[in-house]
C-alpha atoms as a PDB file:
ATOM      1  CA  MET A   1     111.018 120.733 101.112  1.00  0.00           C
ATOM      2  CA  ASN A   2     111.502 124.408 102.188  1.00  0.00           C
ATOM      3  CA  THR A   3     108.389 125.140 103.868  1.00  0.00           C
ATOM      4  CA  SER A   4     107.098 125.821 107.212  1.00  0.00           C
ATOM      5  CA  THR A   5     105.964 123.006 109.168  1.00  0.00           C
ATOM      6  CA  LEU A   6     102.832 122.766 111.183  1.00  0.00           C
ATOM      7  CA  TRP A   7     104.585 124.003 114.355  1.00  0.00           C
ATOM      8  CA  ASP A   8     105.977 127.309 112.823  1.00  0.00           C
ATOM      9  CA  LEU A   9     102.783 128.541 111.555  1.00  0.00           C
ATOM     10  CA  THR A  10     100.944 131.341 113.498  1.00  0.00           C
ATOM     11  CA  GLY A  11      97.346 131.010 114.516  1.00  0.00           C
ATOM     12  CA  TRP A  12      96.308 133.380 111.593  1.00  0.00           C
ATOM     13  CA  GLU A  13      98.304 131.443 109.113  1.00  0.00           C
ATOM     14  CA  PHE A  14      96.752 128.135 110.040  1.00  0.00           C
ATOM     15  CA  ALA A  15      93.259 129.536 110.050  1.00  0.00           C
ATOM     16  CA  ALA A  16      93.793 130.947 106.661  1.00  0.00           C
ATOM     17  CA  LEU A  17      95.054 127.533 105.237  1.00  0.00           C
ATOM     18  CA  ALA A  18      91.994 125.838 107.192  1.00  0.00           C
ATOM     19  CA  PHE A  19      89.606 128.274 105.402  1.00  0.00           C
ATOM     20  CA  ALA A  20      91.325 127.304 102.178  1.00  0.00           C
ATOM     21  CA  ALA A  21      90.824 123.582 102.809  1.00  0.00           C
ATOM     22  CA  LEU A  22      87.077 124.306 103.468  1.00  0.00           C
ATOM     23  CA  LEU A  23      87.151 126.013 100.301  1.00  0.00           C
ATOM     24  CA  VAL A  24      88.464 122.894  98.539  1.00  0.00           C
ATOM     25  CA  GLY A  25      85.769 120.841  99.683  1.00  0.00           C
ATOM     26  CA  PHE A  26      82.923 123.325  98.630  1.00  0.00           C
ATOM     27  CA  SER A  27      84.601 123.684  95.219  1.00  0.00           C
ATOM     28  CA  LYS A  28      84.772 119.909  94.637  1.00  0.00           C
ATOM     29  CA  THR A  29      80.881 119.686  95.280  1.00  0.00           C
ATOM     30  CA  ALA A  30      79.494 122.815  94.185  1.00  0.00           C
ATOM     31  CA  VAL A  31      81.297 125.547  92.118  1.00  0.00           C
ATOM     32  CA  SER A  32      84.500 124.023  90.394  1.00  0.00           C
ATOM     33  CA  GLY A  33      87.113 126.608  90.034  1.00  0.00           C
ATOM     34  CA  ALA A  34      86.398 128.301  93.350  1.00  0.00           C
ATOM     35  CA  ASN A  35      89.451 126.596  94.872  1.00  0.00           C
ATOM     36  CA  THR A  36      91.587 128.838  92.868  1.00  0.00           C
ATOM     37  CA  VAL A  37      91.305 131.326  95.962  1.00  0.00           C
ATOM     38  CA  SER A  38      92.827 127.989  97.856  1.00  0.00           C
ATOM     39  CA  LEU A  39      95.749 128.021  95.544  1.00  0.00           C
ATOM     40  CA  ALA A  40      96.652 131.743  96.359  1.00  0.00           C
ATOM     41  CA  VAL A  41      96.071 131.382 100.071  1.00  0.00           C
ATOM     42  CA  PHE A  42      98.339 128.647 100.235  1.00  0.00           C
ATOM     43  CA  ALA A  43     100.931 130.345  97.971  1.00  0.00           C
ATOM     44  CA  ALA A  44     100.637 133.421 100.271  1.00  0.00           C
ATOM     45  CA  VAL A  45     101.249 131.461 103.516  1.00  0.00           C
ATOM     46  CA  LEU A  46     103.672 128.878 102.217  1.00  0.00           C
ATOM     47  CA  PRO A  47     106.589 129.291  99.581  1.00  0.00           C
ATOM     48  CA  ALA A  48     105.059 129.083  96.204  1.00  0.00           C
ATOM     49  CA  ARG A  49     106.492 125.782  94.900  1.00  0.00           C
ATOM     50  CA  ALA A  50     106.181 124.045  98.240  1.00  0.00           C
ATOM     51  CA  SER A  51     102.659 125.122  98.616  1.00  0.00           C
ATOM     52  CA  THR A  52     101.606 122.705  95.567  1.00  0.00           C
ATOM     53  CA  GLY A  53     102.884 119.808  97.448  1.00  0.00           C
ATOM     54  CA  VAL A  54     101.095 120.638 100.602  1.00  0.00           C
ATOM     55  CA  LEU A  55      97.829 121.415  98.815  1.00  0.00           C
ATOM     56  CA  LEU A  56      97.856 118.295  96.528  1.00  0.00           C
ATOM     57  CA  PRO A  57      96.725 115.654  99.352  1.00  0.00           C
ATOM     58  CA  ILE A  58      94.042 118.160 100.309  1.00  0.00           C
ATOM     59  CA  LEU A  59      92.619 118.228  96.754  1.00  0.00           C
ATOM     60  CA  ILE A  60      92.615 114.673  96.550  1.00  0.00           C
ATOM     61  CA  ALA A  61      90.636 114.420  99.900  1.00  0.00           C
ATOM     62  CA  GLY A  62      88.139 116.829  98.208  1.00  0.00           C
ATOM     63  CA  ASP A  63      88.031 114.409  95.007  1.00  0.00           C
ATOM     64  CA  VAL A  64      87.126 111.603  97.128  1.00  0.00           C
ATOM     65  CA  LEU A  65      84.362 113.291  98.725  1.00  0.00           C
ATOM     66  CA  ALA A  66      83.121 114.615  95.134  1.00  0.00           C
ATOM     67  CA  VAL A  67      83.303 110.982  93.703  1.00  0.00           C
ATOM     68  CA  LEU A  68      81.141 109.546  96.563  1.00  0.00           C
ATOM     69  CA  THR A  69      78.511 112.412  95.923  1.00  0.00           C
ATOM     70  CA  TYR A  70      78.464 112.441  92.173  1.00  0.00           C
ATOM     71  CA  ARG A  71      79.715 109.019  90.960  1.00  0.00           C
ATOM     72  CA  ARG A  72      76.507 108.178  89.251  1.00  0.00           C
ATOM     73  CA  HIS A  73      76.974 111.161  86.911  1.00  0.00           C
ATOM     74  CA  ALA A  74      80.013 110.821  85.407  1.00  0.00           C
ATOM     75  CA  HIS A  75      80.550 110.627  81.688  1.00  0.00           C
ATOM     76  CA  TRP A  76      83.148 107.944  80.959  1.00  0.00           C
ATOM     77  CA  PRO A  77      83.382 108.589  77.155  1.00  0.00           C
ATOM     78  CA  THR A  78      84.652 111.916  77.875  1.00  0.00           C
ATOM     79  CA  LEU A  79      87.075 110.934  80.448  1.00  0.00           C
ATOM     80  CA  TRP A  80      88.628 108.223  78.220  1.00  0.00           C
ATOM     81  CA  ARG A  81      89.271 110.739  75.473  1.00  0.00           C
ATOM     82  CA  LEU A  82      90.804 113.137  77.954  1.00  0.00           C
ATOM     83  CA  PHE A  83      93.098 111.014  79.878  1.00  0.00           C
ATOM     84  CA  PRO A  84      95.997 110.208  77.263  1.00  0.00           C
ATOM     85  CA  ALA A  85      96.195 114.043  76.474  1.00  0.00           C
ATOM     86  CA  VAL A  86      96.488 114.886  80.346  1.00  0.00           C
ATOM     87  CA  ALA A  87      99.214 112.414  80.999  1.00  0.00           C
ATOM     88  CA  ALA A  88     101.244 114.208  78.278  1.00  0.00           C
ATOM     89  CA  GLY A  89     100.477 117.331  79.803  1.00  0.00           C
ATOM     90  CA  VAL A  90     101.626 116.148  83.201  1.00  0.00           C
ATOM     91  CA  VAL A  91     104.785 114.817  81.837  1.00  0.00           C
ATOM     92  CA  VAL A  92     105.485 118.350  80.063  1.00  0.00           C
ATOM     93  CA  GLY A  93     104.429 120.102  83.195  1.00  0.00           C
ATOM     94  CA  THR A  94     107.148 117.999  85.251  1.00  0.00           C
ATOM     95  CA  VAL A  95     109.737 119.020  82.769  1.00  0.00           C
ATOM     96  CA  PHE A  96     108.609 122.495  82.857  1.00  0.00           C
ATOM     97  CA  LEU A  97     108.930 122.601  86.644  1.00  0.00           C
ATOM     98  CA  LEU A  98     112.520 121.539  86.501  1.00  0.00           C
ATOM     99  CA  TRP A  99     113.696 125.010  85.183  1.00  0.00           C
ATOM    100  CA  ALA A 100     110.839 127.380  85.294  1.00  0.00           C
ATOM    101  CA  ASP A 101     110.518 130.079  88.180  1.00  0.00           C
ATOM    102  CA  ASP A 102     107.247 130.904  89.987  1.00  0.00           C
ATOM    103  CA  GLY A 103     106.837 134.005  87.814  1.00  0.00           C
ATOM    104  CA  ILE A 104     106.950 132.436  84.436  1.00  0.00           C
ATOM    105  CA  VAL A 105     104.341 129.720  85.819  1.00  0.00           C
ATOM    106  CA  ARG A 106     102.026 132.198  87.303  1.00  0.00           C
ATOM    107  CA  THR A 107     102.036 134.354  84.327  1.00  0.00           C
ATOM    108  CA  SER A 108     101.691 131.549  81.662  1.00  0.00           C
ATOM    109  CA  ILE A 109      98.834 129.796  83.491  1.00  0.00           C
ATOM    110  CA  GLY A 110      96.928 133.189  84.290  1.00  0.00           C
ATOM    111  CA  ALA A 111      96.860 134.257  80.520  1.00  0.00           C
ATOM    112  CA  ILE A 112      95.653 130.847  79.686  1.00  0.00           C
ATOM    113  CA  LEU A 113      92.823 130.727  82.099  1.00  0.00           C
ATOM    114  CA  LEU A 114      91.674 134.318  80.982  1.00  0.00           C
ATOM    115  CA  LEU A 115      91.858 133.333  77.408  1.00  0.00           C
ATOM    116  CA  MET A 116      89.625 130.219  77.761  1.00  0.00           C
ATOM    117  CA  ALA A 117      87.096 132.166  80.127  1.00  0.00           C
ATOM    118  CA  GLY A 118      86.658 134.543  77.356  1.00  0.00           C
ATOM    119  CA  VAL A 119      86.227 131.942  74.553  1.00  0.00           C
ATOM    120  CA  THR A 120      83.584 130.150  76.681  1.00  0.00           C
ATOM    121  CA  VAL A 121      81.644 133.334  77.240  1.00  0.00           C
ATOM    122  CA  TRP A 122      81.975 134.100  73.719  1.00  0.00           C
ATOM    123  CA  ARG A 123      80.709 130.601  72.648  1.00  0.00           C
ATOM    124  CA  ARG A 124      77.952 130.578  75.252  1.00  0.00           C
ATOM    125  CA  ARG A 125      76.506 133.695  74.147  1.00  0.00           C
ATOM    126  CA  ARG A 126      76.273 132.447  70.669  1.00  0.00           C
ATOM    127  CA  ALA A 127      73.835 129.693  71.773  1.00  0.00           C
ATOM    128  CA  ASP A 128      70.247 130.321  71.811  1.00  0.00           C
ATOM    129  CA  ALA A 129      69.227 131.131  75.401  1.00  0.00           C
ATOM    130  CA  GLY A 130      66.376 128.614  75.452  1.00  0.00           C
ATOM    131  CA  ALA A 131      68.389 125.907  73.619  1.00  0.00           C
ATOM    132  CA  ALA A 132      67.993 122.563  75.221  1.00  0.00           C
ATOM    133  CA  ALA A 133      71.552 120.780  76.231  1.00  0.00           C
ATOM    134  CA  GLU A 134      72.568 118.215  73.911  1.00  0.00           C
ATOM    135  CA  ASP A 135      72.279 114.487  74.867  1.00  0.00           C
ATOM    136  CA  GLU A 136      75.934 113.859  74.297  1.00  0.00           C
ATOM    137  CA  PRO A 137      78.561 116.190  75.090  1.00  0.00           C
ATOM    138  CA  ASP A 138      80.153 117.613  71.924  1.00  0.00           C
ATOM    139  CA  GLY A 139      83.593 116.604  73.062  1.00  0.00           C
ATOM    140  CA  VAL A 140      82.602 113.153  72.186  1.00  0.00           C
ATOM    141  CA  VAL A 141      80.452 112.938  69.271  1.00  0.00           C
ATOM    142  CA  THR A 142      82.341 115.494  66.702  1.00  0.00           C
ATOM    143  CA  ARG A 143      85.614 115.377  65.380  1.00  0.00           C
ATOM    144  CA  ALA A 144      86.209 119.122  66.433  1.00  0.00           C
ATOM    145  CA  GLY A 145      84.842 118.149  69.893  1.00  0.00           C
ATOM    146  CA  ARG A 146      87.462 115.236  70.080  1.00  0.00           C
ATOM    147  CA  LEU A 147      90.108 117.788  69.179  1.00  0.00           C
ATOM    148  CA  LYS A 148      89.190 120.099  71.493  1.00  0.00           C
ATOM    149  CA  ALA A 149      89.065 117.472  74.201  1.00  0.00           C
ATOM    150  CA  ARG A 150      92.787 116.623  73.388  1.00  0.00           C
ATOM    151  CA  SER A 151      93.790 120.446  73.404  1.00  0.00           C
ATOM    152  CA  TYR A 152      92.124 120.969  76.862  1.00  0.00           C
ATOM    153  CA  GLY A 153      93.599 117.618  78.226  1.00  0.00           C
ATOM    154  CA  VAL A 154      97.128 118.733  77.632  1.00  0.00           C
ATOM    155  CA  LEU A 155      96.462 122.035  79.014  1.00  0.00           C
ATOM    156  CA  GLY A 156      94.869 120.709  81.940  1.00  0.00           C
ATOM    157  CA  GLY A 157      97.577 118.090  82.547  1.00  0.00           C
ATOM    158  CA  PHE A 158     100.119 120.921  82.337  1.00  0.00           C
ATOM    159  CA  THR A 159      98.361 123.311  84.674  1.00  0.00           C
ATOM    160  CA  THR A 160      97.457 120.836  87.202  1.00  0.00           C
ATOM    161  CA  MET A 161     101.073 119.636  87.393  1.00  0.00           C
ATOM    162  CA  VAL A 162     102.769 122.968  87.552  1.00  0.00           C
ATOM    163  CA  ALA A 163     100.442 124.905  89.944  1.00  0.00           C
ATOM    164  CA  ASN A 164      97.216 122.527  90.888  1.00  0.00           C
ATOM    165  CA  ALA A 165      95.475 124.768  88.464  1.00  0.00           C
ATOM    166  CA  GLY A 166      93.682 122.366  86.169  1.00  0.00           C
ATOM    167  CA  GLY A 167      90.470 122.832  87.812  1.00  0.00           C
ATOM    168  CA  PRO A 168      89.531 126.021  85.929  1.00  0.00           C
ATOM    169  CA  VAL A 169      91.097 124.590  82.503  1.00  0.00           C
ATOM    170  CA  MET A 170      88.622 121.681  82.814  1.00  0.00           C
ATOM    171  CA  SER A 171      85.679 123.592  83.988  1.00  0.00           C
ATOM    172  CA  MET A 172      85.990 125.657  80.824  1.00  0.00           C
ATOM    173  CA  TYR A 173      86.241 122.452  78.557  1.00  0.00           C
ATOM    174  CA  LEU A 174      83.067 120.808  80.196  1.00  0.00           C
ATOM    175  CA  LEU A 175      81.008 124.029  80.055  1.00  0.00           C
ATOM    176  CA  SER A 176      82.055 124.459  76.520  1.00  0.00           C
ATOM    177  CA  ALA A 177      81.140 120.917  75.730  1.00  0.00           C
ATOM    178  CA  GLY A 178      77.623 121.240  76.911  1.00  0.00           C
ATOM    179  CA  PHE A 179      77.555 119.508  80.320  1.00  0.00           C
ATOM    180  CA  ARG A 180      74.913 120.068  82.655  1.00  0.00           C
ATOM    181  CA  LYS A 181      75.395 120.746  86.273  1.00  0.00           C
ATOM    182  CA  LEU A 182      75.522 117.272  88.035  1.00  0.00           C
ATOM    183  CA  GLY A 183      77.233 115.581  84.749  1.00  0.00           C
ATOM    184  CA  PHE A 184      79.788 118.324  85.115  1.00  0.00           C
ATOM    185  CA  LEU A 185      80.418 117.629  88.549  1.00  0.00           C
ATOM    186  CA  GLY A 186      80.476 113.710  88.296  1.00  0.00           C
ATOM    187  CA  THR A 187      82.744 114.021  85.401  1.00  0.00           C
ATOM    188  CA  SER A 188      85.111 116.424  86.819  1.00  0.00           C
ATOM    189  CA  ALA A 189      85.186 114.299  90.293  1.00  0.00           C
ATOM    190  CA  PHE A 190      86.623 111.195  88.672  1.00  0.00           C
ATOM    191  CA  PHE A 191      88.807 113.124  86.521  1.00  0.00           C
ATOM    192  CA  PHE A 192      90.396 115.000  89.247  1.00  0.00           C
ATOM    193  CA  LEU A 193      90.797 111.952  91.762  1.00  0.00           C
ATOM    194  CA  ILE A 194      92.526 109.956  89.108  1.00  0.00           C
ATOM    195  CA  VAL A 195      94.815 112.711  87.773  1.00  0.00           C
ATOM    196  CA  ASN A 196      95.681 114.136  91.312  1.00  0.00           C
ATOM    197  CA  THR A 197      96.551 110.841  92.379  1.00  0.00           C
ATOM    198  CA  SER A 198      98.631 110.182  89.371  1.00  0.00           C
ATOM    199  CA  LYS A 199     100.701 113.227  90.159  1.00  0.00           C
ATOM    200  CA  LEU A 200     101.819 112.104  93.726  1.00  0.00           C
ATOM    201  CA  PRO A 201     104.727 110.353  92.463  1.00  0.00           C
ATOM    202  CA  PHE A 202     105.948 113.187  90.412  1.00  0.00           C
ATOM    203  CA  SER A 203     105.485 115.723  93.155  1.00  0.00           C
ATOM    204  CA  ALA A 204     107.172 113.445  95.539  1.00  0.00           C
ATOM    205  CA  GLY A 205     110.220 113.036  93.234  1.00  0.00           C
ATOM    206  CA  LEU A 206     110.372 116.734  92.828  1.00  0.00           C
ATOM    207  CA  GLY A 207     110.571 117.034  96.564  1.00  0.00           C
ATOM    208  CA  LEU A 208     107.335 118.751  96.949  1.00  0.00           C
ATOM    209  CA  ILE A 209     105.821 116.156  99.293  1.00  0.00           C
ATOM    210  CA  ASP A 210     107.644 115.079 102.492  1.00  0.00           C
ATOM    211  CA  ALA A 211     106.683 114.234 106.172  1.00  0.00           C
ATOM    212  CA  ASP A 212     106.471 117.885 107.338  1.00  0.00           C
ATOM    213  CA  SER A 213     103.955 118.591 104.467  1.00  0.00           C
ATOM    214  CA  LEU A 214     101.960 115.392 105.199  1.00  0.00           C
ATOM    215  CA  LEU A 215     101.658 116.274 108.962  1.00  0.00           C
ATOM    216  CA  LEU A 216     100.257 119.678 107.930  1.00  0.00           C
ATOM    217  CA  ASP A 217      97.939 118.011 105.528  1.00  0.00           C
ATOM    218  CA  ALA A 218      96.712 115.610 108.335  1.00  0.00           C
ATOM    219  CA  ALA A 219      95.619 118.722 110.304  1.00  0.00           C
ATOM    220  CA  LEU A 220      93.862 120.512 107.281  1.00  0.00           C
ATOM    221  CA  VAL A 221      92.141 117.648 105.916  1.00  0.00           C
ATOM    222  CA  LEU A 222      89.541 117.651 108.498  1.00  0.00           C
ATOM    223  CA  PHE A 223      88.304 121.068 107.076  1.00  0.00           C
ATOM    224  CA  VAL A 224      87.594 119.686 103.648  1.00  0.00           C
ATOM    225  CA  VAL A 225      84.570 117.545 105.130  1.00  0.00           C
ATOM    226  CA  PRO A 226      82.351 120.274 105.998  1.00  0.00           C
ATOM    227  CA  GLY A 227      83.262 122.293 103.023  1.00  0.00           C
ATOM    228  CA  ALA A 228      82.032 119.375 100.952  1.00  0.00           C
ATOM    229  CA  LEU A 229      78.922 118.955 102.692  1.00  0.00           C
ATOM    230  CA  LEU A 230      78.274 122.834 102.394  1.00  0.00           C
ATOM    231  CA  GLY A 231      78.643 122.386  98.619  1.00  0.00           C
ATOM    232  CA  LYS A 232      76.418 119.547  98.277  1.00  0.00           C
ATOM    233  CA  TRP A 233      73.797 121.477 100.116  1.00  0.00           C
ATOM    234  CA  ALA A 234      74.330 124.544  97.872  1.00  0.00           C
ATOM    235  CA  VAL A 235      74.417 122.926  94.566  1.00  0.00           C
ATOM    236  CA  THR A 236      70.932 121.687  94.755  1.00  0.00           C
ATOM    237  CA  ARG A 237      69.955 125.352  95.108  1.00  0.00           C
ATOM    238  CA  ILE A 238      71.980 126.862  92.154  1.00  0.00           C
ATOM    239  CA  ASP A 239      70.328 126.692  88.687  1.00  0.00           C
ATOM    240  CA  GLN A 240      72.324 125.914  85.704  1.00  0.00           C
ATOM    241  CA  ARG A 241      72.854 129.685  84.225  1.00  0.00           C
ATOM    242  CA  LEU A 242      74.018 130.654  87.620  1.00  0.00           C
ATOM    243  CA  PHE A 243      76.303 127.519  88.023  1.00  0.00           C
ATOM    244  CA  GLU A 244      77.805 128.477  84.869  1.00  0.00           C
ATOM    245  CA  GLN A 245      78.414 131.979  85.796  1.00  0.00           C
ATOM    246  CA  LEU A 246      79.907 131.364  88.973  1.00  0.00           C
ATOM    247  CA  VAL A 247      82.273 128.794  87.373  1.00  0.00           C
ATOM    248  CA  ILE A 248      83.487 131.355  84.743  1.00  0.00           C
ATOM    249  CA  ALA A 249      83.853 134.105  87.568  1.00  0.00           C
ATOM    250  CA  ALA A 250      85.949 131.812  89.544  1.00  0.00           C
ATOM    251  CA  THR A 251      88.277 131.096  86.527  1.00  0.00           C
ATOM    252  CA  VAL A 252      88.617 134.851  85.763  1.00  0.00           C
ATOM    253  CA  VAL A 253      89.514 135.504  89.462  1.00  0.00           C
ATOM    254  CA  GLY A 254      91.857 132.658  89.512  1.00  0.00           C
ATOM    255  CA  GLY A 255      93.534 133.821  86.271  1.00  0.00           C
ATOM    256  CA  LEU A 256      93.779 137.460  87.738  1.00  0.00           C
ATOM    257  CA  GLN A 257      95.414 136.278  90.746  1.00  0.00           C
ATOM    258  CA  LEU A 258      98.044 134.582  88.990  1.00  0.00           C
ATOM    259  CA  LEU A 259      98.831 137.322  86.970  1.00  0.00           C
ATOM    260  CA  LEU A 260      98.614 140.011  89.437  1.00  0.00           C
ATOM    261  CA  ARG A 261     100.740 138.160  92.404  1.00  0.00           C
END
């Protein structure tokens, strides 16, 4: 893999990656989508394609911590409906990576994220400000919701494979489906643990994960834990409306970063 080893990094570069790893932990247990900043940091310090291979094990470590924290709040009917579509998206993303350059990948995903953020804001504004959340997310109980789940699933699988950017996609889906804060975090925790783990053989086959990248991961994974603990502390102090606003804002920032890089 064409990337810097742990020993090639300057102190400032390692500090930037360590901060990005801490932010991964925070995003997994608090504001999903905030790790789009981590994507940008890793891609700035390391070669863009190689950075996805280094970041993937860091994301999985965060997923494990999130599952341990929110495992009781996962909504499995939604997960089972998403997985087949996500698998298709991962396969499409793998094929896409064989020929697409970084510029095409960034522009495509950035545009998708901004479009979905706009749609989600529009949907939320149409809802009554005081309306109670539905007992069952609409991604499960309606035909339109099931179609939406499949569409977002394919997009989520595609974006998570090509740029580890599936978080904002699924954040927009879970918000639009009416998930409350803990259900959102519990469902996304299991979703990304399973999806990111399934990506390992694809990434290794593409040469994105090797001994050098894993050595760097071993040094960075220590910073995921304090980030996750900070997120767990913060999420209890964030109300539902602010939570949704932060998730949408993080998605917009991530989309703009991809478009403007």
